[in-house]
N, C-alpha and C. Protein backbone atom coordinates (compact mmCIF):
# COMPACT_ATOMS: atom_id res chain seq x y z
N MET A 1 0.40 -16.48 -59.02
CA MET A 1 0.73 -15.14 -58.56
C MET A 1 0.43 -15.04 -57.07
N VAL A 2 1.30 -14.40 -56.34
CA VAL A 2 1.13 -14.22 -54.90
C VAL A 2 0.20 -13.04 -54.67
N SER A 3 -0.75 -13.22 -53.77
CA SER A 3 -1.65 -12.13 -53.42
C SER A 3 -0.87 -11.01 -52.75
N PRO A 4 -1.14 -9.73 -53.11
CA PRO A 4 -0.40 -8.63 -52.49
C PRO A 4 -0.74 -8.46 -51.01
N VAL A 5 -1.87 -9.03 -50.59
CA VAL A 5 -2.27 -8.92 -49.20
C VAL A 5 -2.28 -10.33 -48.61
N CYS A 6 -1.49 -10.54 -47.58
CA CYS A 6 -1.40 -11.86 -46.95
C CYS A 6 -1.66 -11.70 -45.46
N ASP A 7 -1.65 -12.80 -44.74
CA ASP A 7 -1.96 -12.72 -43.32
C ASP A 7 -0.94 -11.91 -42.53
N LEU A 8 0.22 -11.65 -43.09
CA LEU A 8 1.20 -10.80 -42.41
C LEU A 8 0.68 -9.39 -42.22
N THR A 9 -0.22 -8.94 -43.10
CA THR A 9 -0.73 -7.57 -42.99
C THR A 9 -1.63 -7.41 -41.77
N ALA A 10 -2.15 -8.51 -41.24
CA ALA A 10 -3.01 -8.44 -40.06
C ALA A 10 -2.21 -8.43 -38.76
N LYS A 11 -0.93 -8.68 -38.84
CA LYS A 11 -0.08 -8.72 -37.65
C LYS A 11 0.52 -7.35 -37.38
N HIS A 12 1.08 -7.20 -36.18
CA HIS A 12 1.78 -5.97 -35.82
C HIS A 12 3.16 -6.33 -35.31
N CYS A 13 4.10 -5.43 -35.52
CA CYS A 13 5.48 -5.66 -35.07
C CYS A 13 5.54 -5.70 -33.55
N LYS A 14 6.43 -6.54 -33.08
CA LYS A 14 6.69 -6.65 -31.64
C LYS A 14 8.01 -5.96 -31.35
N PRO A 15 8.11 -5.25 -30.23
CA PRO A 15 9.38 -4.61 -29.88
C PRO A 15 10.50 -5.64 -29.84
N CYS A 16 11.64 -5.25 -30.36
CA CYS A 16 12.79 -6.15 -30.39
C CYS A 16 14.02 -5.38 -29.95
N GLU A 17 14.56 -5.76 -28.82
CA GLU A 17 15.75 -5.10 -28.30
C GLU A 17 16.94 -6.04 -28.26
N GLY A 18 16.88 -7.10 -29.04
CA GLY A 18 17.97 -8.06 -29.07
C GLY A 18 17.68 -9.23 -28.16
N GLY A 19 18.66 -10.11 -28.08
CA GLY A 19 18.52 -11.27 -27.22
C GLY A 19 17.81 -12.45 -27.86
N ILE A 20 17.34 -12.29 -29.09
CA ILE A 20 16.75 -13.41 -29.81
C ILE A 20 17.54 -13.61 -31.11
N PRO A 21 17.57 -14.82 -31.62
CA PRO A 21 18.32 -15.03 -32.87
C PRO A 21 17.53 -14.54 -34.08
N PRO A 22 18.23 -14.19 -35.15
CA PRO A 22 17.54 -13.86 -36.40
C PRO A 22 16.81 -15.10 -36.92
N LEU A 23 15.88 -14.88 -37.85
CA LEU A 23 15.17 -16.00 -38.44
C LEU A 23 16.13 -16.95 -39.15
N ALA A 24 15.83 -18.22 -39.08
CA ALA A 24 16.59 -19.23 -39.82
C ALA A 24 16.23 -19.13 -41.31
N GLN A 25 17.12 -19.60 -42.18
CA GLN A 25 16.90 -19.49 -43.62
C GLN A 25 15.60 -20.16 -44.05
N GLU A 26 15.24 -21.29 -43.46
CA GLU A 26 13.99 -21.95 -43.85
C GLU A 26 12.77 -21.10 -43.49
N ASP A 27 12.84 -20.36 -42.39
CA ASP A 27 11.75 -19.45 -42.03
C ASP A 27 11.69 -18.26 -43.00
N ILE A 28 12.84 -17.75 -43.36
CA ILE A 28 12.92 -16.66 -44.34
C ILE A 28 12.31 -17.10 -45.66
N ASP A 29 12.69 -18.28 -46.13
CA ASP A 29 12.17 -18.80 -47.40
C ASP A 29 10.66 -18.97 -47.35
N ARG A 30 10.15 -19.46 -46.24
CA ARG A 30 8.70 -19.67 -46.07
C ARG A 30 7.97 -18.32 -46.10
N LEU A 31 8.48 -17.33 -45.38
CA LEU A 31 7.84 -16.01 -45.33
C LEU A 31 7.93 -15.29 -46.68
N LEU A 32 9.01 -15.50 -47.40
CA LEU A 32 9.15 -14.88 -48.72
C LEU A 32 8.08 -15.36 -49.69
N GLU A 33 7.54 -16.55 -49.47
CA GLU A 33 6.48 -17.07 -50.34
C GLU A 33 5.23 -16.21 -50.29
N ASP A 34 5.04 -15.46 -49.19
CA ASP A 34 3.88 -14.59 -49.03
C ASP A 34 4.10 -13.20 -49.61
N LEU A 35 5.30 -12.93 -50.11
CA LEU A 35 5.62 -11.60 -50.62
C LEU A 35 5.98 -11.68 -52.09
N SER A 36 5.67 -10.65 -52.84
CA SER A 36 5.99 -10.60 -54.25
C SER A 36 7.12 -9.60 -54.51
N GLY A 37 8.19 -10.06 -55.12
CA GLY A 37 9.27 -9.17 -55.52
C GLY A 37 10.31 -8.88 -54.46
N TRP A 38 10.11 -9.35 -53.25
CA TRP A 38 11.09 -9.15 -52.19
C TRP A 38 12.13 -10.24 -52.26
N GLU A 39 13.35 -9.90 -51.88
CA GLU A 39 14.40 -10.91 -51.83
C GLU A 39 15.22 -10.75 -50.56
N SER A 40 15.75 -11.85 -50.13
CA SER A 40 16.65 -11.86 -48.99
C SER A 40 18.05 -11.61 -49.52
N SER A 41 18.70 -10.58 -48.99
CA SER A 41 20.04 -10.22 -49.43
C SER A 41 20.91 -10.02 -48.20
N GLY A 42 21.70 -11.04 -47.86
CA GLY A 42 22.50 -10.96 -46.64
C GLY A 42 21.59 -10.92 -45.44
N GLN A 43 21.69 -9.87 -44.65
CA GLN A 43 20.86 -9.72 -43.44
C GLN A 43 19.69 -8.78 -43.68
N GLU A 44 19.31 -8.60 -44.94
CA GLU A 44 18.25 -7.65 -45.28
C GLU A 44 17.18 -8.30 -46.15
N LEU A 45 16.01 -7.68 -46.09
CA LEU A 45 14.91 -7.96 -46.99
C LEU A 45 14.80 -6.74 -47.89
N VAL A 46 14.85 -6.94 -49.21
CA VAL A 46 15.00 -5.81 -50.13
C VAL A 46 14.01 -5.91 -51.29
N LYS A 47 13.49 -4.74 -51.69
CA LYS A 47 12.65 -4.65 -52.89
C LYS A 47 12.78 -3.24 -53.47
N THR A 48 12.78 -3.16 -54.81
CA THR A 48 12.77 -1.88 -55.50
C THR A 48 11.40 -1.67 -56.12
N TYR A 49 10.80 -0.52 -55.81
CA TYR A 49 9.52 -0.11 -56.37
C TYR A 49 9.78 0.93 -57.45
N HIS A 50 9.02 0.86 -58.54
CA HIS A 50 9.18 1.81 -59.66
C HIS A 50 7.90 2.62 -59.83
N PHE A 51 8.09 3.90 -60.22
CA PHE A 51 6.97 4.83 -60.31
C PHE A 51 7.04 5.63 -61.60
N LYS A 52 5.93 6.33 -61.92
CA LYS A 52 5.87 7.13 -63.14
C LYS A 52 6.67 8.42 -63.03
N ASN A 53 6.76 8.96 -61.80
CA ASN A 53 7.39 10.27 -61.65
C ASN A 53 7.85 10.45 -60.19
N TYR A 54 8.47 11.58 -59.95
CA TYR A 54 9.00 11.88 -58.62
C TYR A 54 7.90 12.04 -57.59
N TYR A 55 6.78 12.65 -57.99
CA TYR A 55 5.67 12.85 -57.07
C TYR A 55 5.17 11.51 -56.53
N GLU A 56 4.97 10.53 -57.41
CA GLU A 56 4.53 9.21 -56.98
C GLU A 56 5.57 8.53 -56.09
N THR A 57 6.82 8.72 -56.41
CA THR A 57 7.89 8.16 -55.59
C THR A 57 7.82 8.73 -54.18
N MET A 58 7.68 10.05 -54.07
CA MET A 58 7.64 10.68 -52.76
C MET A 58 6.37 10.33 -51.99
N ALA A 59 5.26 10.15 -52.69
CA ALA A 59 4.03 9.71 -52.02
C ALA A 59 4.24 8.32 -51.41
N PHE A 60 4.93 7.45 -52.15
CA PHE A 60 5.25 6.12 -51.63
C PHE A 60 6.17 6.22 -50.42
N VAL A 61 7.17 7.08 -50.49
CA VAL A 61 8.10 7.26 -49.36
C VAL A 61 7.33 7.72 -48.12
N ASN A 62 6.41 8.66 -48.29
CA ASN A 62 5.62 9.15 -47.16
C ASN A 62 4.71 8.07 -46.61
N ALA A 63 4.11 7.26 -47.48
CA ALA A 63 3.26 6.16 -47.01
C ALA A 63 4.10 5.13 -46.26
N THR A 64 5.29 4.87 -46.75
CA THR A 64 6.21 3.94 -46.08
C THR A 64 6.60 4.48 -44.71
N ALA A 65 6.84 5.77 -44.61
CA ALA A 65 7.17 6.39 -43.33
C ALA A 65 6.01 6.26 -42.35
N TRP A 66 4.78 6.39 -42.84
CA TRP A 66 3.60 6.26 -42.00
C TRP A 66 3.50 4.84 -41.43
N VAL A 67 3.65 3.83 -42.30
CA VAL A 67 3.62 2.44 -41.86
C VAL A 67 4.73 2.20 -40.84
N SER A 68 5.90 2.68 -41.14
CA SER A 68 7.06 2.49 -40.26
C SER A 68 6.82 3.10 -38.89
N HIS A 69 6.25 4.28 -38.87
CA HIS A 69 5.96 4.94 -37.60
C HIS A 69 4.94 4.15 -36.80
N ARG A 70 3.86 3.71 -37.45
CA ARG A 70 2.80 2.96 -36.75
C ARG A 70 3.31 1.63 -36.22
N GLU A 71 4.22 0.99 -36.94
CA GLU A 71 4.75 -0.31 -36.52
C GLU A 71 6.01 -0.17 -35.67
N ASP A 72 6.56 1.03 -35.60
CA ASP A 72 7.82 1.29 -34.90
C ASP A 72 8.93 0.36 -35.39
N HIS A 73 8.98 0.23 -36.72
CA HIS A 73 10.01 -0.59 -37.36
C HIS A 73 10.35 0.10 -38.68
N HIS A 74 11.59 0.56 -38.80
CA HIS A 74 11.94 1.51 -39.85
C HIS A 74 12.94 0.94 -40.85
N PRO A 75 12.64 1.07 -42.15
CA PRO A 75 13.56 0.59 -43.18
C PRO A 75 14.59 1.66 -43.54
N ASP A 76 15.60 1.23 -44.25
CA ASP A 76 16.49 2.16 -44.94
C ASP A 76 15.90 2.31 -46.33
N LEU A 77 15.86 3.54 -46.83
CA LEU A 77 15.29 3.83 -48.14
C LEU A 77 16.34 4.48 -49.03
N GLU A 78 16.41 4.01 -50.27
CA GLU A 78 17.22 4.66 -51.30
C GLU A 78 16.21 5.27 -52.28
N VAL A 79 16.17 6.59 -52.35
CA VAL A 79 15.15 7.27 -53.14
C VAL A 79 15.79 7.90 -54.37
N GLY A 80 15.18 7.63 -55.52
CA GLY A 80 15.60 8.23 -56.78
C GLY A 80 14.40 8.90 -57.43
N TYR A 81 14.57 9.42 -58.62
CA TYR A 81 13.52 10.16 -59.29
C TYR A 81 12.26 9.31 -59.51
N ARG A 82 12.42 8.07 -59.99
CA ARG A 82 11.27 7.21 -60.29
C ARG A 82 11.36 5.84 -59.62
N GLN A 83 12.09 5.78 -58.52
CA GLN A 83 12.19 4.49 -57.83
C GLN A 83 12.55 4.68 -56.37
N CYS A 84 12.25 3.66 -55.60
CA CYS A 84 12.63 3.63 -54.19
C CYS A 84 12.99 2.18 -53.86
N ARG A 85 14.16 2.00 -53.34
CA ARG A 85 14.61 0.67 -52.90
C ARG A 85 14.48 0.63 -51.38
N VAL A 86 13.75 -0.37 -50.90
CA VAL A 86 13.44 -0.50 -49.48
C VAL A 86 14.27 -1.64 -48.91
N HIS A 87 14.94 -1.37 -47.79
CA HIS A 87 15.76 -2.36 -47.10
C HIS A 87 15.24 -2.52 -45.68
N TYR A 88 14.76 -3.71 -45.34
CA TYR A 88 14.37 -3.99 -43.97
C TYR A 88 15.38 -4.94 -43.34
N SER A 89 15.68 -4.69 -42.08
CA SER A 89 16.51 -5.56 -41.27
C SER A 89 16.23 -5.21 -39.81
N THR A 90 16.34 -6.20 -38.95
CA THR A 90 16.16 -5.93 -37.53
C THR A 90 17.56 -5.79 -36.94
N HIS A 91 18.03 -4.56 -36.86
CA HIS A 91 19.41 -4.28 -36.47
C HIS A 91 19.75 -4.81 -35.09
N ALA A 92 18.78 -4.82 -34.18
CA ALA A 92 19.03 -5.26 -32.80
C ALA A 92 19.45 -6.73 -32.72
N ILE A 93 19.07 -7.51 -33.75
CA ILE A 93 19.45 -8.93 -33.74
C ILE A 93 20.41 -9.28 -34.87
N GLY A 94 20.78 -8.29 -35.67
CA GLY A 94 21.74 -8.53 -36.75
C GLY A 94 21.23 -9.42 -37.85
N GLY A 95 19.95 -9.30 -38.18
CA GLY A 95 19.39 -10.12 -39.25
C GLY A 95 17.91 -9.84 -39.41
N LEU A 96 17.20 -10.83 -39.94
CA LEU A 96 15.78 -10.66 -40.22
C LEU A 96 14.91 -11.24 -39.11
N SER A 97 13.82 -10.51 -38.83
CA SER A 97 12.80 -10.98 -37.88
C SER A 97 11.46 -10.95 -38.60
N GLU A 98 10.44 -11.48 -37.96
CA GLU A 98 9.11 -11.43 -38.55
C GLU A 98 8.67 -9.98 -38.78
N ASN A 99 9.15 -9.05 -37.95
CA ASN A 99 8.80 -7.63 -38.12
C ASN A 99 9.11 -7.14 -39.53
N ASP A 100 10.23 -7.57 -40.08
CA ASP A 100 10.63 -7.13 -41.42
C ASP A 100 9.61 -7.57 -42.45
N PHE A 101 9.11 -8.79 -42.31
CA PHE A 101 8.14 -9.34 -43.26
C PHE A 101 6.76 -8.71 -43.07
N ILE A 102 6.40 -8.41 -41.85
CA ILE A 102 5.13 -7.74 -41.58
C ILE A 102 5.11 -6.38 -42.27
N CYS A 103 6.16 -5.61 -42.10
CA CYS A 103 6.22 -4.28 -42.72
C CYS A 103 6.28 -4.37 -44.24
N ALA A 104 7.02 -5.32 -44.76
CA ALA A 104 7.09 -5.51 -46.22
C ALA A 104 5.70 -5.80 -46.77
N ALA A 105 4.95 -6.67 -46.11
CA ALA A 105 3.60 -7.01 -46.57
C ALA A 105 2.67 -5.79 -46.50
N LYS A 106 2.81 -5.00 -45.46
CA LYS A 106 1.96 -3.81 -45.32
C LYS A 106 2.26 -2.78 -46.40
N ILE A 107 3.53 -2.62 -46.73
CA ILE A 107 3.89 -1.68 -47.79
C ILE A 107 3.39 -2.18 -49.15
N ASP A 108 3.51 -3.49 -49.39
CA ASP A 108 2.97 -4.05 -50.62
C ASP A 108 1.46 -3.82 -50.71
N ALA A 109 0.76 -4.00 -49.59
CA ALA A 109 -0.70 -3.79 -49.57
C ALA A 109 -1.05 -2.33 -49.88
N LEU A 110 -0.30 -1.39 -49.31
CA LEU A 110 -0.53 0.03 -49.62
C LEU A 110 -0.28 0.30 -51.09
N GLN A 111 0.79 -0.24 -51.62
CA GLN A 111 1.14 -0.03 -53.02
C GLN A 111 0.07 -0.63 -53.93
N ALA A 112 -0.41 -1.82 -53.59
CA ALA A 112 -1.45 -2.46 -54.40
C ALA A 112 -2.73 -1.63 -54.38
N ALA A 113 -3.07 -1.08 -53.22
CA ALA A 113 -4.29 -0.27 -53.11
C ALA A 113 -4.18 1.02 -53.91
N SER A 114 -2.97 1.59 -53.97
CA SER A 114 -2.80 2.86 -54.68
C SER A 114 -2.80 2.68 -56.20
N THR A 115 -2.54 1.47 -56.68
CA THR A 115 -2.52 1.24 -58.12
C THR A 115 -3.78 0.54 -58.61
N ALA A 116 -4.70 0.25 -57.67
CA ALA A 116 -5.96 -0.46 -58.05
C ALA A 116 -6.94 0.49 -58.70
C-alpha cells in the first residue's frame, strides 16, 4: 500500500508560465507510484473521491480550494452529492508538471488526516 503522505507533500509549487515541456511519461509513471488512486488521463492527473454526504463533499472542496490557493495551482473540480472528481493539469505547458503531483499529494494527505 502506498503511504498517503509522501515527500511530494513537503514541496511547494513553482510558478509556471510556459516555456518548459510537460513531464515525460516515465516521469509521470514514477511520480504516480507515490500517489494512491490517481491516474494519468491524457494531459491530466485525475482522481475521484467519495464521501458519505454532501456536507463532507463540500468540506473536501473547500479544503482543496485552500490547498490550491496556498500553492497557486488550481484543479478543475466536478462536484456531485457524494463525490468530487479532481483534475490537475498545468495548462501553461499543455500537460503535467511536478506541480500537479505536489497538489495531488497534499490533497491526499488532507483527506487521510480527515478520515483518521
